[in-house]
Amino acid sequence: MTVRLSRPGRPRLSLHIPVLPLLLLVSPLLLLLALALAAACLAARAAPMGVLHGIGQLLRALPGSRVEVEQGRTAVLVSVSRVPGIP
């Protein structure tokens, strides 16, 4: 994942963030998210496997996505790219 920050009159800042170490860092939060998802599925009477399938499809669609946010004179671009060699 690449995050670029550009502001007028300042050099462009570009950060390359590897996703796997980021996931390992937030993995304790993912456990809490899984419990919240299970509770939400029970409350809404939704099929947990169907919800997980939908989340999986969303995550597989992320590579190639670009999100651009502009506020005033500051612009942030986040682009998600696929790592070569990983399907």
PDB file of N, CA and C in Angstrom:
ATOM      1  N   MET A   1       0.856  -1.154   0.000  1.00  0.00           N
ATOM      2  CA  MET A   1       0.000   0.000   0.000  1.00  0.00           C
ATOM      3  C   MET A   1       0.904   1.219   0.000  1.00  0.00           C
ATOM      4  N   THR A   2       0.544   2.225  -0.776  1.00  0.00           N
ATOM      5  CA  THR A   2       1.315   3.449  -0.864  1.00  0.00           C
ATOM      6  C   THR A   2       0.437   4.623  -0.465  1.00  0.00           C
ATOM      7  N   VAL A   3       0.967   5.480   0.388  1.00  0.00           N
ATOM      8  CA  VAL A   3       0.269   6.689   0.801  1.00  0.00           C
ATOM      9  C   VAL A   3       1.128   7.868   0.372  1.00  0.00           C
ATOM     10  N   ARG A   4       0.537   8.804  -0.381  1.00  0.00           N
ATOM     11  CA  ARG A   4       1.256   9.994  -0.830  1.00  0.00           C
ATOM     12  C   ARG A   4       0.559  11.231  -0.289  1.00  0.00           C
ATOM     13  N   LEU A   5       1.350  12.147   0.241  1.00  0.00           N
ATOM     14  CA  LEU A   5       0.832  13.397   0.775  1.00  0.00           C
ATOM     15  C   LEU A   5       1.508  14.536   0.037  1.00  0.00           C
ATOM     16  N   SER A   6       0.716  15.407  -0.556  1.00  0.00           N
ATOM     17  CA  SER A   6       1.301  16.546  -1.267  1.00  0.00           C
ATOM     18  C   SER A   6       0.661  17.836  -0.769  1.00  0.00           C
ATOM     19  N   ARG A   7       1.517  18.813  -0.498  1.00  0.00           N
ATOM     20  CA  ARG A   7       1.088  20.133  -0.061  1.00  0.00           C
ATOM     21  C   ARG A   7       1.844  21.174  -0.873  1.00  0.00           C
ATOM     22  N   PRO A   8       1.197  22.245  -1.225  1.00  0.00           N
ATOM     23  CA  PRO A   8       1.887  23.267  -2.023  1.00  0.00           C
ATOM     24  C   PRO A   8       3.090  23.847  -1.272  1.00  0.00           C
ATOM     25  N   GLY A   9       4.192  23.998  -1.978  1.00  0.00           N
ATOM     26  CA  GLY A   9       5.378  24.596  -1.387  1.00  0.00           C
ATOM     27  C   GLY A   9       6.216  23.648  -0.553  1.00  0.00           C
ATOM     28  N   ARG A  10       5.804  22.409  -0.424  1.00  0.00           N
ATOM     29  CA  ARG A  10       6.556  21.419   0.356  1.00  0.00           C
ATOM     30  C   ARG A  10       6.836  20.203  -0.517  1.00  0.00           C
ATOM     31  N   PRO A  11       7.910  19.473  -0.203  1.00  0.00           N
ATOM     32  CA  PRO A  11       8.181  18.261  -1.002  1.00  0.00           C
ATOM     33  C   PRO A  11       7.087  17.214  -0.799  1.00  0.00           C
ATOM     34  N   ARG A  12       6.900  16.421  -1.829  1.00  0.00           N
ATOM     35  CA  ARG A  12       5.907  15.353  -1.793  1.00  0.00           C
ATOM     36  C   ARG A  12       6.395  14.248  -0.861  1.00  0.00           C
ATOM     37  N   LEU A  13       5.517  13.746   0.010  1.00  0.00           N
ATOM     38  CA  LEU A  13       5.845  12.675   0.952  1.00  0.00           C
ATOM     39  C   LEU A  13       5.177  11.402   0.469  1.00  0.00           C
ATOM     40  N   SER A  14       5.970  10.338   0.301  1.00  0.00           N
ATOM     41  CA  SER A  14       5.446   9.062  -0.172  1.00  0.00           C
ATOM     42  C   SER A  14       5.857   7.967   0.812  1.00  0.00           C
ATOM     43  N   LEU A  15       4.873   7.232   1.347  1.00  0.00           N
ATOM     44  CA  LEU A  15       5.130   6.143   2.294  1.00  0.00           C
ATOM     45  C   LEU A  15       4.674   4.826   1.683  1.00  0.00           C
ATOM     46  N   HIS A  16       5.537   3.838   1.691  1.00  0.00           N
ATOM     47  CA  HIS A  16       5.185   2.493   1.233  1.00  0.00           C
ATOM     48  C   HIS A  16       4.995   1.640   2.485  1.00  0.00           C
ATOM     49  N   ILE A  17       3.771   1.174   2.712  1.00  0.00           N
ATOM     50  CA  ILE A  17       3.431   0.431   3.922  1.00  0.00           C
ATOM     51  C   ILE A  17       3.152  -1.021   3.543  1.00  0.00           C
ATOM     52  N   PRO A  18       3.976  -1.978   4.035  1.00  0.00           N
ATOM     53  CA  PRO A  18       3.690  -3.391   3.759  1.00  0.00           C
ATOM     54  C   PRO A  18       2.467  -3.850   4.564  1.00  0.00           C
ATOM     55  N   VAL A  19       1.559  -4.533   3.914  1.00  0.00           N
ATOM     56  CA  VAL A  19       0.288  -4.884   4.527  1.00  0.00           C
ATOM     57  C   VAL A  19       0.437  -6.006   5.554  1.00  0.00           C
ATOM     58  N   LEU A  20       1.259  -7.025   5.287  1.00  0.00           N
ATOM     59  CA  LEU A  20       1.377  -8.158   6.214  1.00  0.00           C
ATOM     60  C   LEU A  20       1.873  -7.736   7.594  1.00  0.00           C
ATOM     61  N   PRO A  21       2.967  -6.975   7.714  1.00  0.00           N
ATOM     62  CA  PRO A  21       3.362  -6.532   9.060  1.00  0.00           C
ATOM     63  C   PRO A  21       2.290  -5.661   9.728  1.00  0.00           C
ATOM     64  N   LEU A  22       1.577  -4.889   8.931  1.00  0.00           N
ATOM     65  CA  LEU A  22       0.499  -4.075   9.485  1.00  0.00           C
ATOM     66  C   LEU A  22      -0.606  -4.964  10.054  1.00  0.00           C
ATOM     67  N   LEU A  23      -0.947  -6.035   9.333  1.00  0.00           N
ATOM     68  CA  LEU A  23      -1.956  -6.973   9.828  1.00  0.00           C
ATOM     69  C   LEU A  23      -1.499  -7.670  11.104  1.00  0.00           C
ATOM     70  N   LEU A  24      -0.224  -8.041  11.172  1.00  0.00           N
ATOM     71  CA  LEU A  24       0.292  -8.667  12.384  1.00  0.00           C
ATOM     72  C   LEU A  24       0.237  -7.707  13.567  1.00  0.00           C
ATOM     73  N   LEU A  25       0.447  -6.437  13.297  1.00  0.00           N
ATOM     74  CA  LEU A  25       0.417  -5.439  14.358  1.00  0.00           C
ATOM     75  C   LEU A  25      -0.994  -5.242  14.909  1.00  0.00           C
ATOM     76  N   VAL A  26      -1.983  -5.279  14.044  1.00  0.00           N
ATOM     77  CA  VAL A  26      -3.364  -5.046  14.479  1.00  0.00           C
ATOM     78  C   VAL A  26      -4.146  -6.345  14.699  1.00  0.00           C
ATOM     79  N   SER A  27      -3.485  -7.488  14.683  1.00  0.00           N
ATOM     80  CA  SER A  27      -4.181  -8.764  14.838  1.00  0.00           C
ATOM     81  C   SER A  27      -4.978  -8.881  16.144  1.00  0.00           C
ATOM     82  N   PRO A  28      -4.516  -8.327  17.279  1.00  0.00           N
ATOM     83  CA  PRO A  28      -5.393  -8.392  18.464  1.00  0.00           C
ATOM     84  C   PRO A  28      -6.723  -7.667  18.249  1.00  0.00           C
ATOM     85  N   LEU A  29      -6.698  -6.586  17.490  1.00  0.00           N
ATOM     86  CA  LEU A  29      -7.943  -5.881  17.198  1.00  0.00           C
ATOM     87  C   LEU A  29      -8.821  -6.689  16.261  1.00  0.00           C
ATOM     88  N   LEU A  30      -8.201  -7.496  15.391  1.00  0.00           N
ATOM     89  CA  LEU A  30      -8.976  -8.329  14.481  1.00  0.00           C
ATOM     90  C   LEU A  30      -9.780  -9.380  15.243  1.00  0.00           C
ATOM     91  N   LEU A  31      -9.245  -9.865  16.353  1.00  0.00           N
ATOM     92  CA  LEU A  31      -9.970 -10.830  17.182  1.00  0.00           C
ATOM     93  C   LEU A  31     -11.217 -10.175  17.770  1.00  0.00           C
ATOM     94  N   LEU A  32     -11.077  -8.955  18.266  1.00  0.00           N
ATOM     95  CA  LEU A  32     -12.236  -8.237  18.788  1.00  0.00           C
ATOM     96  C   LEU A  32     -13.252  -7.952  17.680  1.00  0.00           C
ATOM     97  N   LEU A  33     -12.743  -7.639  16.486  1.00  0.00           N
ATOM     98  CA  LEU A  33     -13.616  -7.397  15.343  1.00  0.00           C
ATOM     99  C   LEU A  33     -14.394  -8.663  14.981  1.00  0.00           C
ATOM    100  N   ALA A  34     -13.748  -9.816  15.054  1.00  0.00           N
ATOM    101  CA  ALA A  34     -14.417 -11.087  14.754  1.00  0.00           C
ATOM    102  C   ALA A  34     -15.541 -11.354  15.759  1.00  0.00           C
ATOM    103  N   LEU A  35     -15.293 -11.069  17.029  1.00  0.00           N
ATOM    104  CA  LEU A  35     -16.339 -11.255  18.038  1.00  0.00           C
ATOM    105  C   LEU A  35     -17.503 -10.297  17.803  1.00  0.00           C
ATOM    106  N   ALA A  36     -17.198  -9.059  17.451  1.00  0.00           N
ATOM    107  CA  ALA A  36     -18.257  -8.084  17.158  1.00  0.00           C
ATOM    108  C   ALA A  36     -19.044  -8.507  15.924  1.00  0.00           C
ATOM    109  N   LEU A  37     -18.351  -9.049  14.926  1.00  0.00           N
ATOM    110  CA  LEU A  37     -19.025  -9.528  13.715  1.00  0.00           C
ATOM    111  C   LEU A  37     -19.964 -10.682  14.046  1.00  0.00           C
ATOM    112  N   ALA A  38     -19.515 -11.598  14.892  1.00  0.00           N
ATOM    113  CA  ALA A  38     -20.360 -12.726  15.288  1.00  0.00           C
ATOM    114  C   ALA A  38     -21.604 -12.235  16.031  1.00  0.00           C
ATOM    115  N   ALA A  39     -21.440 -11.270  16.926  1.00  0.00           N
ATOM    116  CA  ALA A  39     -22.581 -10.724  17.662  1.00  0.00           C
ATOM    117  C   ALA A  39     -23.544 -10.007  16.715  1.00  0.00           C
ATOM    118  N   ALA A  40     -23.002  -9.266  15.756  1.00  0.00           N
ATOM    119  CA  ALA A  40     -23.852  -8.555  14.801  1.00  0.00           C
ATOM    120  C   ALA A  40     -24.629  -9.537  13.924  1.00  0.00           C
ATOM    121  N   CYS A  41     -23.981 -10.641  13.541  1.00  0.00           N
ATOM    122  CA  CYS A  41     -24.670 -11.656  12.723  1.00  0.00           C
ATOM    123  C   CYS A  41     -25.818 -12.288  13.508  1.00  0.00           C
ATOM    124  N   LEU A  42     -25.583 -12.541  14.787  1.00  0.00           N
ATOM    125  CA  LEU A  42     -26.653 -13.106  15.607  1.00  0.00           C
ATOM    126  C   LEU A  42     -27.796 -12.115  15.770  1.00  0.00           C
ATOM    127  N   ALA A  43     -27.466 -10.845  15.989  1.00  0.00           N
ATOM    128  CA  ALA A  43     -28.502  -9.830  16.194  1.00  0.00           C
ATOM    129  C   ALA A  43     -29.310  -9.599  14.922  1.00  0.00           C
ATOM    130  N   ALA A  44     -28.651  -9.633  13.773  1.00  0.00           N
ATOM    131  CA  ALA A  44     -29.339  -9.377  12.505  1.00  0.00           C
ATOM    132  C   ALA A  44     -29.868 -10.658  11.859  1.00  0.00           C
ATOM    133  N   ARG A  45     -29.594 -11.798  12.477  1.00  0.00           N
ATOM    134  CA  ARG A  45     -29.986 -13.102  11.945  1.00  0.00           C
ATOM    135  C   ARG A  45     -29.454 -13.310  10.529  1.00  0.00           C
ATOM    136  N   ALA A  46     -28.174 -12.927  10.346  1.00  0.00           N
ATOM    137  CA  ALA A  46     -27.509 -13.101   9.054  1.00  0.00           C
ATOM    138  C   ALA A  46     -26.598 -14.322   9.133  1.00  0.00           C
ATOM    139  N   ALA A  47     -26.346 -14.940   8.003  1.00  0.00           N
ATOM    140  CA  ALA A  47     -25.471 -16.112   7.959  1.00  0.00           C
ATOM    141  C   ALA A  47     -24.015 -15.657   8.069  1.00  0.00           C
ATOM    142  N   PRO A  48     -23.298 -16.088   9.106  1.00  0.00           N
ATOM    143  CA  PRO A  48     -21.908 -15.643   9.282  1.00  0.00           C
ATOM    144  C   PRO A  48     -21.014 -15.995   8.091  1.00  0.00           C
ATOM    145  N   MET A  49     -21.207 -17.171   7.485  1.00  0.00           N
ATOM    146  CA  MET A  49     -20.362 -17.551   6.349  1.00  0.00           C
ATOM    147  C   MET A  49     -20.643 -16.662   5.137  1.00  0.00           C
ATOM    148  N   GLY A  50     -21.876 -16.257   4.952  1.00  0.00           N
ATOM    149  CA  GLY A  50     -22.218 -15.346   3.864  1.00  0.00           C
ATOM    150  C   GLY A  50     -21.579 -13.981   4.063  1.00  0.00           C
ATOM    151  N   VAL A  51     -21.582 -13.507   5.306  1.00  0.00           N
ATOM    152  CA  VAL A  51     -20.955 -12.224   5.621  1.00  0.00           C
ATOM    153  C   VAL A  51     -19.447 -12.316   5.400  1.00  0.00           C
ATOM    154  N   LEU A  52     -18.822 -13.404   5.843  1.00  0.00           N
ATOM    155  CA  LEU A  52     -17.380 -13.582   5.640  1.00  0.00           C
ATOM    156  C   LEU A  52     -17.038 -13.678   4.159  1.00  0.00           C
ATOM    157  N   HIS A  53     -17.888 -14.337   3.389  1.00  0.00           N
ATOM    158  CA  HIS A  53     -17.670 -14.430   1.943  1.00  0.00           C
ATOM    159  C   HIS A  53     -17.703 -13.037   1.302  1.00  0.00           C
ATOM    160  N   GLY A  54     -18.664 -12.221   1.722  1.00  0.00           N
ATOM    161  CA  GLY A  54     -18.761 -10.861   1.198  1.00  0.00           C
ATOM    162  C   GLY A  54     -17.548 -10.020   1.560  1.00  0.00           C
ATOM    163  N   ILE A  55     -17.053 -10.155   2.789  1.00  0.00           N
ATOM    164  CA  ILE A  55     -15.849  -9.431   3.218  1.00  0.00           C
ATOM    165  C   ILE A  55     -14.641  -9.906   2.416  1.00  0.00           C
ATOM    166  N   GLY A  56     -14.550 -11.209   2.176  1.00  0.00           N
ATOM    167  CA  GLY A  56     -13.442 -11.751   1.375  1.00  0.00           C
ATOM    168  C   GLY A  56     -13.454 -11.203  -0.044  1.00  0.00           C
ATOM    169  N   GLN A  57     -14.635 -11.111  -0.636  1.00  0.00           N
ATOM    170  CA  GLN A  57     -14.735 -10.553  -1.990  1.00  0.00           C
ATOM    171  C   GLN A  57     -14.319  -9.087  -2.005  1.00  0.00           C
ATOM    172  N   LEU A  58     -14.687  -8.348  -0.984  1.00  0.00           N
ATOM    173  CA  LEU A  58     -14.294  -6.940  -0.890  1.00  0.00           C
ATOM    174  C   LEU A  58     -12.780  -6.804  -0.780  1.00  0.00           C
ATOM    175  N   LEU A  59     -12.150  -7.637   0.038  1.00  0.00           N
ATOM    176  CA  LEU A  59     -10.697  -7.567   0.205  1.00  0.00           C
ATOM    177  C   LEU A  59      -9.960  -7.977  -1.072  1.00  0.00           C
ATOM    178  N   ARG A  60     -10.495  -8.957  -1.811  1.00  0.00           N
ATOM    179  CA  ARG A  60      -9.861  -9.360  -3.069  1.00  0.00           C
ATOM    180  C   ARG A  60      -9.980  -8.284  -4.138  1.00  0.00           C
ATOM    181  N   ALA A  61     -10.981  -7.409  -4.015  1.00  0.00           N
ATOM    182  CA  ALA A  61     -11.180  -6.347  -4.997  1.00  0.00           C
ATOM    183  C   ALA A  61     -10.315  -5.117  -4.716  1.00  0.00           C
ATOM    184  N   LEU A  62      -9.651  -5.071  -3.557  1.00  0.00           N
ATOM    185  CA  LEU A  62      -8.877  -3.884  -3.184  1.00  0.00           C
ATOM    186  C   LEU A  62      -7.680  -3.582  -4.082  1.00  0.00           C
ATOM    187  N   PRO A  63      -6.865  -4.572  -4.510  1.00  0.00           N
ATOM    188  CA  PRO A  63      -5.703  -4.212  -5.335  1.00  0.00           C
ATOM    189  C   PRO A  63      -6.120  -3.427  -6.576  1.00  0.00           C
ATOM    190  N   GLY A  64      -5.429  -2.330  -6.794  1.00  0.00           N
ATOM    191  CA  GLY A  64      -5.747  -1.459  -7.908  1.00  0.00           C
ATOM    192  C   GLY A  64      -6.623  -0.286  -7.500  1.00  0.00           C
ATOM    193  N   SER A  65      -7.076  -0.278  -6.241  1.00  0.00           N
ATOM    194  CA  SER A  65      -7.929   0.815  -5.778  1.00  0.00           C
ATOM    195  C   SER A  65      -7.103   2.056  -5.486  1.00  0.00           C
ATOM    196  N   ARG A  66      -7.693   3.210  -5.761  1.00  0.00           N
ATOM    197  CA  ARG A  66      -7.065   4.498  -5.472  1.00  0.00           C
ATOM    198  C   ARG A  66      -8.085   5.362  -4.740  1.00  0.00           C
ATOM    199  N   VAL A  67      -7.665   5.921  -3.608  1.00  0.00           N
ATOM    200  CA  VAL A  67      -8.524   6.822  -2.843  1.00  0.00           C
ATOM    201  C   VAL A  67      -7.805   8.158  -2.762  1.00  0.00           C
ATOM    202  N   GLU A  68      -8.441   9.212  -3.246  1.00  0.00           N
ATOM    203  CA  GLU A  68      -7.861  10.547  -3.218  1.00  0.00           C
ATOM    204  C   GLU A  68      -8.731  11.443  -2.348  1.00  0.00           C
ATOM    205  N   VAL A  69      -8.089  12.144  -1.409  1.00  0.00           N
ATOM    206  CA  VAL A  69      -8.800  13.060  -0.529  1.00  0.00           C
ATOM    207  C   VAL A  69      -8.114  14.409  -0.613  1.00  0.00           C
ATOM    208  N   GLU A  70      -8.887  15.447  -0.866  1.00  0.00           N
ATOM    209  CA  GLU A  70      -8.352  16.807  -0.912  1.00  0.00           C
ATOM    210  C   GLU A  70      -9.127  17.664   0.072  1.00  0.00           C
ATOM    211  N   GLN A  71      -8.379  18.421   0.870  1.00  0.00           N
ATOM    212  CA  GLN A  71      -9.004  19.365   1.783  1.00  0.00           C
ATOM    213  C   GLN A  71      -8.153  20.620   1.794  1.00  0.00           C
ATOM    214  N   GLY A  72      -8.718  21.671   1.298  1.00  0.00           N
ATOM    215  CA  GLY A  72      -7.954  22.907   1.204  1.00  0.00           C
ATOM    216  C   GLY A  72      -6.774  22.738   0.263  1.00  0.00           C
ATOM    217  N   ARG A  73      -5.563  23.005   0.761  1.00  0.00           N
ATOM    218  CA  ARG A  73      -4.373  22.902  -0.068  1.00  0.00           C
ATOM    219  C   ARG A  73      -3.630  21.585   0.142  1.00  0.00           C
ATOM    220  N   THR A  74      -4.200  20.668   0.911  1.00  0.00           N
ATOM    221  CA  THR A  74      -3.549  19.388   1.185  1.00  0.00           C
ATOM    222  C   THR A  74      -4.286  18.272   0.448  1.00  0.00           C
ATOM    223  N   ALA A  75      -3.518  17.396  -0.185  1.00  0.00           N
ATOM    224  CA  ALA A  75      -4.098  16.258  -0.909  1.00  0.00           C
ATOM    225  C   ALA A  75      -3.418  14.972  -0.445  1.00  0.00           C
ATOM    226  N   VAL A  76      -4.208  13.928  -0.226  1.00  0.00           N
ATOM    227  CA  VAL A  76      -3.693  12.611   0.168  1.00  0.00           C
ATOM    228  C   VAL A  76      -4.185  11.585  -0.849  1.00  0.00           C
ATOM    229  N   LEU A  77      -3.271  10.770  -1.347  1.00  0.00           N
ATOM    230  CA  LEU A  77      -3.597   9.698  -2.285  1.00  0.00           C
ATOM    231  C   LEU A  77      -3.177   8.377  -1.663  1.00  0.00           C
ATOM    232  N   VAL A  78      -4.099   7.423  -1.567  1.00  0.00           N
ATOM    233  CA  VAL A  78      -3.797   6.080  -1.077  1.00  0.00           C
ATOM    234  C   VAL A  78      -4.083   5.124  -2.225  1.00  0.00           C
ATOM    235  N   SER A  79      -3.066   4.342  -2.628  1.00  0.00           N
ATOM    236  CA  SER A  79      -3.275   3.355  -3.686  1.00  0.00           C
ATOM    237  C   SER A  79      -2.840   1.994  -3.175  1.00  0.00           C
ATOM    238  N   VAL A  80      -3.644   0.978  -3.492  1.00  0.00           N
ATOM    239  CA  VAL A  80      -3.371  -0.399  -3.060  1.00  0.00           C
ATOM    240  C   VAL A  80      -2.925  -1.170  -4.294  1.00  0.00           C
ATOM    241  N   SER A  81      -1.753  -1.806  -4.212  1.00  0.00           N
ATOM    242  CA  SER A  81      -1.259  -2.574  -5.344  1.00  0.00           C
ATOM    243  C   SER A  81      -0.969  -4.005  -4.925  1.00  0.00           C
ATOM    244  N   ARG A  82      -0.997  -4.893  -5.883  1.00  0.00           N
ATOM    245  CA  ARG A  82      -0.739  -6.306  -5.643  1.00  0.00           C
ATOM    246  C   ARG A  82       0.774  -6.548  -5.604  1.00  0.00           C
ATOM    247  N   VAL A  83       1.199  -7.407  -4.680  1.00  0.00           N
ATOM    248  CA  VAL A  83       2.606  -7.769  -4.571  1.00  0.00           C
ATOM    249  C   VAL A  83       2.914  -8.806  -5.633  1.00  0.00           C
ATOM    250  N   PRO A  84       3.967  -8.610  -6.454  1.00  0.00           N
ATOM    251  CA  PRO A  84       4.302  -9.603  -7.473  1.00  0.00           C
ATOM    252  C   PRO A  84       4.598 -10.963  -6.852  1.00  0.00           C
ATOM    253  N   GLY A  85       4.080 -12.005  -7.448  1.00  0.00           N
ATOM    254  CA  GLY A  85       4.347 -13.357  -6.973  1.00  0.00           C
ATOM    255  C   GLY A  85       3.305 -13.884  -6.005  1.00  0.00           C
ATOM    256  N   ILE A  86       2.403 -13.017  -5.523  1.00  0.00           N
ATOM    257  CA  ILE A  86       1.357 -13.465  -4.607  1.00  0.00           C
ATOM    258  C   ILE A  86       0.022 -13.348  -5.342  1.00  0.00           C
ATOM    259  N   PRO A  87      -0.696 -14.460  -5.518  1.00  0.00           N
ATOM    260  CA  PRO A  87      -1.961 -14.408  -6.275  1.00  0.00           C
ATOM    261  C   PRO A  87      -3.051 -13.672  -5.546  1.00  0.00           C
TER     262      PRO A  87
END
